[in-house]
Amino acid sequence: MGEEPFTFTSHGGVKVRIFWQGRCIMTVGGRRGEALAADLADATPEGAQRLLQRVTGNFKRGNER
């Protein structure tokens, strides 16, 4: 994939903060956060990027430059 635009931090396995190009764009908590943290722990780097893309959906709405 080359570069990895998405990164994440997991806080206690319950809350996952998702970053895009160094900026926090989403925090996922609760059951969804637990499931995401478990999936990311088992994922390859490419798989983690796909998971993060799927979770964030279309967070950019035409105002990026």
PDB file of N, CA and C in Angstrom:
ATOM      1  N   MET A   1       0.822  -1.198   0.000  1.00  0.00           N
ATOM      2  CA  MET A   1       0.000   0.000   0.000  1.00  0.00           C
ATOM      3  C   MET A   1       0.866   1.262   0.000  1.00  0.00           C
ATOM      4  N   GLY A   2       2.153   1.124   0.319  1.00  0.00           N
ATOM      5  CA  GLY A   2       3.009   2.306   0.326  1.00  0.00           C
ATOM      6  C   GLY A   2       2.900   3.080   1.609  1.00  0.00           C
ATOM      7  N   GLU A   3       2.192   4.180   1.580  1.00  0.00           N
ATOM      8  CA  GLU A   3       2.013   4.978   2.785  1.00  0.00           C
ATOM      9  C   GLU A   3       0.752   4.554   3.514  1.00  0.00           C
ATOM     10  N   GLU A   4       0.721   4.836   4.803  1.00  0.00           N
ATOM     11  CA  GLU A   4      -0.436   4.486   5.610  1.00  0.00           C
ATOM     12  C   GLU A   4      -1.059   5.761   6.158  1.00  0.00           C
ATOM     13  N   PRO A   5      -2.111   6.275   5.516  1.00  0.00           N
ATOM     14  CA  PRO A   5      -2.706   7.533   5.961  1.00  0.00           C
ATOM     15  C   PRO A   5      -3.432   7.408   7.288  1.00  0.00           C
ATOM     16  N   PHE A   6      -3.937   6.205   7.617  1.00  0.00           N
ATOM     17  CA  PHE A   6      -4.664   6.013   8.866  1.00  0.00           C
ATOM     18  C   PHE A   6      -3.754   5.403   9.924  1.00  0.00           C
ATOM     19  N   THR A   7      -3.831   5.930  11.138  1.00  0.00           N
ATOM     20  CA  THR A   7      -3.187   5.336  12.300  1.00  0.00           C
ATOM     21  C   THR A   7      -4.224   5.292  13.406  1.00  0.00           C
ATOM     22  N   PHE A   8      -3.890   4.595  14.483  1.00  0.00           N
ATOM     23  CA  PHE A   8      -4.841   4.494  15.582  1.00  0.00           C
ATOM     24  C   PHE A   8      -4.112   4.280  16.891  1.00  0.00           C
ATOM     25  N   THR A   9      -4.784   4.606  17.975  1.00  0.00           N
ATOM     26  CA  THR A   9      -4.323   4.260  19.314  1.00  0.00           C
ATOM     27  C   THR A   9      -5.483   3.586  20.020  1.00  0.00           C
ATOM     28  N   SER A  10      -5.150   2.576  20.812  1.00  0.00           N
ATOM     29  CA  SER A  10      -6.167   1.849  21.560  1.00  0.00           C
ATOM     30  C   SER A  10      -5.976   2.158  23.037  1.00  0.00           C
ATOM     31  N   HIS A  11      -7.046   2.505  23.704  1.00  0.00           N
ATOM     32  CA  HIS A  11      -6.997   2.876  25.117  1.00  0.00           C
ATOM     33  C   HIS A  11      -7.745   1.833  25.934  1.00  0.00           C
ATOM     34  N   GLY A  12      -7.003   0.913  26.533  1.00  0.00           N
ATOM     35  CA  GLY A  12      -7.604  -0.105  27.378  1.00  0.00           C
ATOM     36  C   GLY A  12      -8.438  -1.124  26.639  1.00  0.00           C
ATOM     37  N   GLY A  13      -8.312  -1.203  25.338  1.00  0.00           N
ATOM     38  CA  GLY A  13      -9.082  -2.160  24.564  1.00  0.00           C
ATOM     39  C   GLY A  13     -10.558  -1.821  24.447  1.00  0.00           C
ATOM     40  N   VAL A  14     -10.960  -0.637  24.927  1.00  0.00           N
ATOM     41  CA  VAL A  14     -12.367  -0.241  24.894  1.00  0.00           C
ATOM     42  C   VAL A  14     -12.574   0.946  23.967  1.00  0.00           C
ATOM     43  N   LYS A  15     -11.600   1.842  23.915  1.00  0.00           N
ATOM     44  CA  LYS A  15     -11.718   3.053  23.111  1.00  0.00           C
ATOM     45  C   LYS A  15     -10.583   3.074  22.084  1.00  0.00           C
ATOM     46  N   VAL A  16     -10.936   3.364  20.840  1.00  0.00           N
ATOM     47  CA  VAL A  16      -9.957   3.449  19.758  1.00  0.00           C
ATOM     48  C   VAL A  16     -10.064   4.830  19.140  1.00  0.00           C
ATOM     49  N   ARG A  17      -8.931   5.541  19.098  1.00  0.00           N
ATOM     50  CA  ARG A  17      -8.889   6.846  18.425  1.00  0.00           C
ATOM     51  C   ARG A  17      -8.256   6.636  17.062  1.00  0.00           C
ATOM     52  N   ILE A  18      -8.921   7.140  16.019  1.00  0.00           N
ATOM     53  CA  ILE A  18      -8.466   6.967  14.643  1.00  0.00           C
ATOM     54  C   ILE A  18      -7.948   8.300  14.130  1.00  0.00           C
ATOM     55  N   PHE A  19      -6.754   8.251  13.532  1.00  0.00           N
ATOM     56  CA  PHE A  19      -6.097   9.441  13.003  1.00  0.00           C
ATOM     57  C   PHE A  19      -5.931   9.296  11.504  1.00  0.00           C
ATOM     58  N   TRP A  20      -6.081  10.394  10.795  1.00  0.00           N
ATOM     59  CA  TRP A  20      -5.832  10.455   9.360  1.00  0.00           C
ATOM     60  C   TRP A  20      -4.814  11.553   9.136  1.00  0.00           C
ATOM     61  N   GLN A  21      -3.666  11.187   8.605  1.00  0.00           N
ATOM     62  CA  GLN A  21      -2.551  12.107   8.374  1.00  0.00           C
ATOM     63  C   GLN A  21      -2.234  12.903   9.635  1.00  0.00           C
ATOM     64  N   GLY A  22      -2.234  12.222  10.790  1.00  0.00           N
ATOM     65  CA  GLY A  22      -1.840  12.837  12.052  1.00  0.00           C
ATOM     66  C   GLY A  22      -2.936  13.567  12.799  1.00  0.00           C
ATOM     67  N   ARG A  23      -4.125  13.688  12.224  1.00  0.00           N
ATOM     68  CA  ARG A  23      -5.231  14.407  12.881  1.00  0.00           C
ATOM     69  C   ARG A  23      -6.290  13.412  13.335  1.00  0.00           C
ATOM     70  N   CYS A  24      -6.746  13.560  14.571  1.00  0.00           N
ATOM     71  CA  CYS A  24      -7.784  12.680  15.097  1.00  0.00           C
ATOM     72  C   CYS A  24      -9.101  12.998  14.392  1.00  0.00           C
ATOM     73  N   ILE A  25      -9.677  11.989  13.753  1.00  0.00           N
ATOM     74  CA  ILE A  25     -10.924  12.201  13.022  1.00  0.00           C
ATOM     75  C   ILE A  25     -12.099  11.482  13.656  1.00  0.00           C
ATOM     76  N   MET A  26     -11.817  10.503  14.529  1.00  0.00           N
ATOM     77  CA  MET A  26     -12.919   9.733  15.097  1.00  0.00           C
ATOM     78  C   MET A  26     -12.454   8.995  16.343  1.00  0.00           C
ATOM     79  N   THR A  27     -13.354   8.866  17.303  1.00  0.00           N
ATOM     80  CA  THR A  27     -13.139   8.031  18.475  1.00  0.00           C
ATOM     81  C   THR A  27     -14.265   7.014  18.517  1.00  0.00           C
ATOM     82  N   VAL A  28     -13.892   5.753  18.635  1.00  0.00           N
ATOM     83  CA  VAL A  28     -14.874   4.669  18.678  1.00  0.00           C
ATOM     84  C   VAL A  28     -14.790   4.033  20.056  1.00  0.00           C
ATOM     85  N   GLY A  29     -15.908   3.964  20.741  1.00  0.00           N
ATOM     86  CA  GLY A  29     -15.918   3.397  22.081  1.00  0.00           C
ATOM     87  C   GLY A  29     -17.004   2.363  22.256  1.00  0.00           C
ATOM     88  N   GLY A  30     -17.124   1.855  23.467  1.00  0.00           N
ATOM     89  CA  GLY A  30     -18.157   0.875  23.781  1.00  0.00           C
ATOM     90  C   GLY A  30     -17.891  -0.465  23.125  1.00  0.00           C
ATOM     91  N   ARG A  31     -18.964  -1.169  22.836  1.00  0.00           N
ATOM     92  CA  ARG A  31     -18.840  -2.494  22.210  1.00  0.00           C
ATOM     93  C   ARG A  31     -18.182  -2.412  20.842  1.00  0.00           C
ATOM     94  N   ARG A  32     -18.523  -1.372  20.104  1.00  0.00           N
ATOM     95  CA  ARG A  32     -17.930  -1.202  18.770  1.00  0.00           C
ATOM     96  C   ARG A  32     -16.418  -0.978  18.884  1.00  0.00           C
ATOM     97  N   GLY A  33     -15.995  -0.212  19.896  1.00  0.00           N
ATOM     98  CA  GLY A  33     -14.574   0.015  20.123  1.00  0.00           C
ATOM     99  C   GLY A  33     -13.845  -1.253  20.526  1.00  0.00           C
ATOM    100  N   GLU A  34     -14.471  -2.060  21.383  1.00  0.00           N
ATOM    101  CA  GLU A  34     -13.874  -3.337  21.785  1.00  0.00           C
ATOM    102  C   GLU A  34     -13.693  -4.250  20.580  1.00  0.00           C
ATOM    103  N   ALA A  35     -14.720  -4.347  19.751  1.00  0.00           N
ATOM    104  CA  ALA A  35     -14.647  -5.203  18.567  1.00  0.00           C
ATOM    105  C   ALA A  35     -13.583  -4.704  17.596  1.00  0.00           C
ATOM    106  N   LEU A  36     -13.516  -3.393  17.403  1.00  0.00           N
ATOM    107  CA  LEU A  36     -12.522  -2.822  16.492  1.00  0.00           C
ATOM    108  C   LEU A  36     -11.111  -3.055  17.016  1.00  0.00           C
ATOM    109  N   ALA A  37     -10.890  -2.860  18.315  1.00  0.00           N
ATOM    110  CA  ALA A  37      -9.566  -3.078  18.904  1.00  0.00           C
ATOM    111  C   ALA A  37      -9.132  -4.528  18.727  1.00  0.00           C
ATOM    112  N   ALA A  38     -10.047  -5.465  18.926  1.00  0.00           N
ATOM    113  CA  ALA A  38      -9.723  -6.884  18.749  1.00  0.00           C
ATOM    114  C   ALA A  38      -9.398  -7.189  17.289  1.00  0.00           C
ATOM    115  N   ASP A  39     -10.176  -6.641  16.362  1.00  0.00           N
ATOM    116  CA  ASP A  39      -9.925  -6.866  14.937  1.00  0.00           C
ATOM    117  C   ASP A  39      -8.596  -6.258  14.504  1.00  0.00           C
ATOM    118  N   LEU A  40      -8.275  -5.074  15.002  1.00  0.00           N
ATOM    119  CA  LEU A  40      -7.020  -4.417  14.636  1.00  0.00           C
ATOM    120  C   LEU A  40      -5.817  -5.154  15.206  1.00  0.00           C
ATOM    121  N   ALA A  41      -5.975  -5.768  16.379  1.00  0.00           N
ATOM    122  CA  ALA A  41      -4.870  -6.508  16.986  1.00  0.00           C
ATOM    123  C   ALA A  41      -4.473  -7.708  16.134  1.00  0.00           C
ATOM    124  N   ASP A  42      -5.434  -8.304  15.440  1.00  0.00           N
ATOM    125  CA  ASP A  42      -5.171  -9.490  14.620  1.00  0.00           C
ATOM    126  C   ASP A  42      -4.890  -9.168  13.158  1.00  0.00           C
ATOM    127  N   ALA A  43      -5.033  -7.924  12.754  1.00  0.00           N
ATOM    128  CA  ALA A  43      -4.948  -7.558  11.336  1.00  0.00           C
ATOM    129  C   ALA A  43      -3.511  -7.301  10.887  1.00  0.00           C
ATOM    130  N   THR A  44      -3.276  -7.544   9.605  1.00  0.00           N
ATOM    131  CA  THR A  44      -2.017  -7.146   8.980  1.00  0.00           C
ATOM    132  C   THR A  44      -2.053  -5.629   8.795  1.00  0.00           C
ATOM    133  N   PRO A  45      -0.928  -4.993   8.490  1.00  0.00           N
ATOM    134  CA  PRO A  45      -0.958  -3.542   8.256  1.00  0.00           C
ATOM    135  C   PRO A  45      -1.935  -3.133   7.149  1.00  0.00           C
ATOM    136  N   GLU A  46      -1.975  -3.893   6.055  1.00  0.00           N
ATOM    137  CA  GLU A  46      -2.918  -3.579   4.976  1.00  0.00           C
ATOM    138  C   GLU A  46      -4.354  -3.802   5.431  1.00  0.00           C
ATOM    139  N   GLY A  47      -4.569  -4.871   6.177  1.00  0.00           N
ATOM    140  CA  GLY A  47      -5.902  -5.155   6.694  1.00  0.00           C
ATOM    141  C   GLY A  47      -6.370  -4.099   7.675  1.00  0.00           C
ATOM    142  N   ALA A  48      -5.439  -3.588   8.485  1.00  0.00           N
ATOM    143  CA  ALA A  48      -5.786  -2.531   9.439  1.00  0.00           C
ATOM    144  C   ALA A  48      -6.208  -1.269   8.701  1.00  0.00           C
ATOM    145  N   GLN A  49      -5.523  -0.942   7.601  1.00  0.00           N
ATOM    146  CA  GLN A  49      -5.898   0.234   6.814  1.00  0.00           C
ATOM    147  C   GLN A  49      -7.306   0.074   6.253  1.00  0.00           C
ATOM    148  N   ARG A  50      -7.618  -1.124   5.766  1.00  0.00           N
ATOM    149  CA  ARG A  50      -8.962  -1.369   5.224  1.00  0.00           C
ATOM    150  C   ARG A  50     -10.027  -1.269   6.306  1.00  0.00           C
ATOM    151  N   LEU A  51      -9.733  -1.820   7.490  1.00  0.00           N
ATOM    152  CA  LEU A  51     -10.685  -1.726   8.604  1.00  0.00           C
ATOM    153  C   LEU A  51     -10.938  -0.273   8.984  1.00  0.00           C
ATOM    154  N   LEU A  52      -9.863   0.506   9.086  1.00  0.00           N
ATOM    155  CA  LEU A  52     -10.004   1.907   9.482  1.00  0.00           C
ATOM    156  C   LEU A  52     -10.752   2.702   8.418  1.00  0.00           C
ATOM    157  N   GLN A  53     -10.507   2.399   7.142  1.00  0.00           N
ATOM    158  CA  GLN A  53     -11.250   3.063   6.066  1.00  0.00           C
ATOM    159  C   GLN A  53     -12.731   2.742   6.164  1.00  0.00           C
ATOM    160  N   ARG A  54     -13.044   1.485   6.437  1.00  0.00           N
ATOM    161  CA  ARG A  54     -14.444   1.066   6.522  1.00  0.00           C
ATOM    162  C   ARG A  54     -15.146   1.722   7.709  1.00  0.00           C
ATOM    163  N   VAL A  55     -14.459   1.797   8.846  1.00  0.00           N
ATOM    164  CA  VAL A  55     -15.073   2.373  10.046  1.00  0.00           C
ATOM    165  C   VAL A  55     -15.317   3.868   9.876  1.00  0.00           C
ATOM    166  N   THR A  56     -14.365   4.577   9.274  1.00  0.00           N
ATOM    167  CA  THR A  56     -14.515   6.023   9.143  1.00  0.00           C
ATOM    168  C   THR A  56     -15.514   6.396   8.064  1.00  0.00           C
ATOM    169  N   GLY A  57     -15.711   5.526   7.092  1.00  0.00           N
ATOM    170  CA  GLY A  57     -16.658   5.837   6.019  1.00  0.00           C
ATOM    171  C   GLY A  57     -16.202   7.047   5.235  1.00  0.00           C
ATOM    172  N   ASN A  58     -17.132   7.872   4.833  1.00  0.00           N
ATOM    173  CA  ASN A  58     -16.829   9.063   4.057  1.00  0.00           C
ATOM    174  C   ASN A  58     -16.773  10.261   5.001  1.00  0.00           C
ATOM    175  N   PHE A  59     -15.665  10.395   5.728  1.00  0.00           N
ATOM    176  CA  PHE A  59     -15.572  11.487   6.696  1.00  0.00           C
ATOM    177  C   PHE A  59     -15.256  12.816   6.033  1.00  0.00           C
ATOM    178  N   LYS A  60     -14.718  12.789   4.809  1.00  0.00           N
ATOM    179  CA  LYS A  60     -14.430  14.027   4.091  1.00  0.00           C
ATOM    180  C   LYS A  60     -15.634  14.386   3.235  1.00  0.00           C
ATOM    181  N   ARG A  61     -16.101  15.590   3.324  1.00  0.00           N
ATOM    182  CA  ARG A  61     -17.325  15.988   2.625  1.00  0.00           C
ATOM    183  C   ARG A  61     -17.103  17.120   1.630  1.00  0.00           C
ATOM    184  N   GLY A  62     -15.953  17.134   0.965  1.00  0.00           N
ATOM    185  CA  GLY A  62     -15.738  18.116  -0.077  1.00  0.00           C
ATOM    186  C   GLY A  62     -15.062  19.399   0.374  1.00  0.00           C
ATOM    187  N   ASN A  63     -14.746  19.512   1.668  1.00  0.00           N
ATOM    188  CA  ASN A  63     -14.112  20.742   2.126  1.00  0.00           C
ATOM    189  C   ASN A  63     -12.599  20.599   2.255  1.00  0.00           C
ATOM    190  N   GLU A  64     -12.037  19.448   1.898  1.00  0.00           N
ATOM    191  CA  GLU A  64     -10.595  19.276   1.968  1.00  0.00           C
ATOM    192  C   GLU A  64      -9.941  19.873   0.729  1.00  0.00           C
ATOM    193  N   ARG A  65      -8.719  20.294   0.858  1.00  0.00           N
ATOM    194  CA  ARG A  65      -7.968  20.855  -0.265  1.00  0.00           C
ATOM    195  C   ARG A  65      -6.616  20.203  -0.337  1.00  0.00           C
TER     196      ARG A  65
END
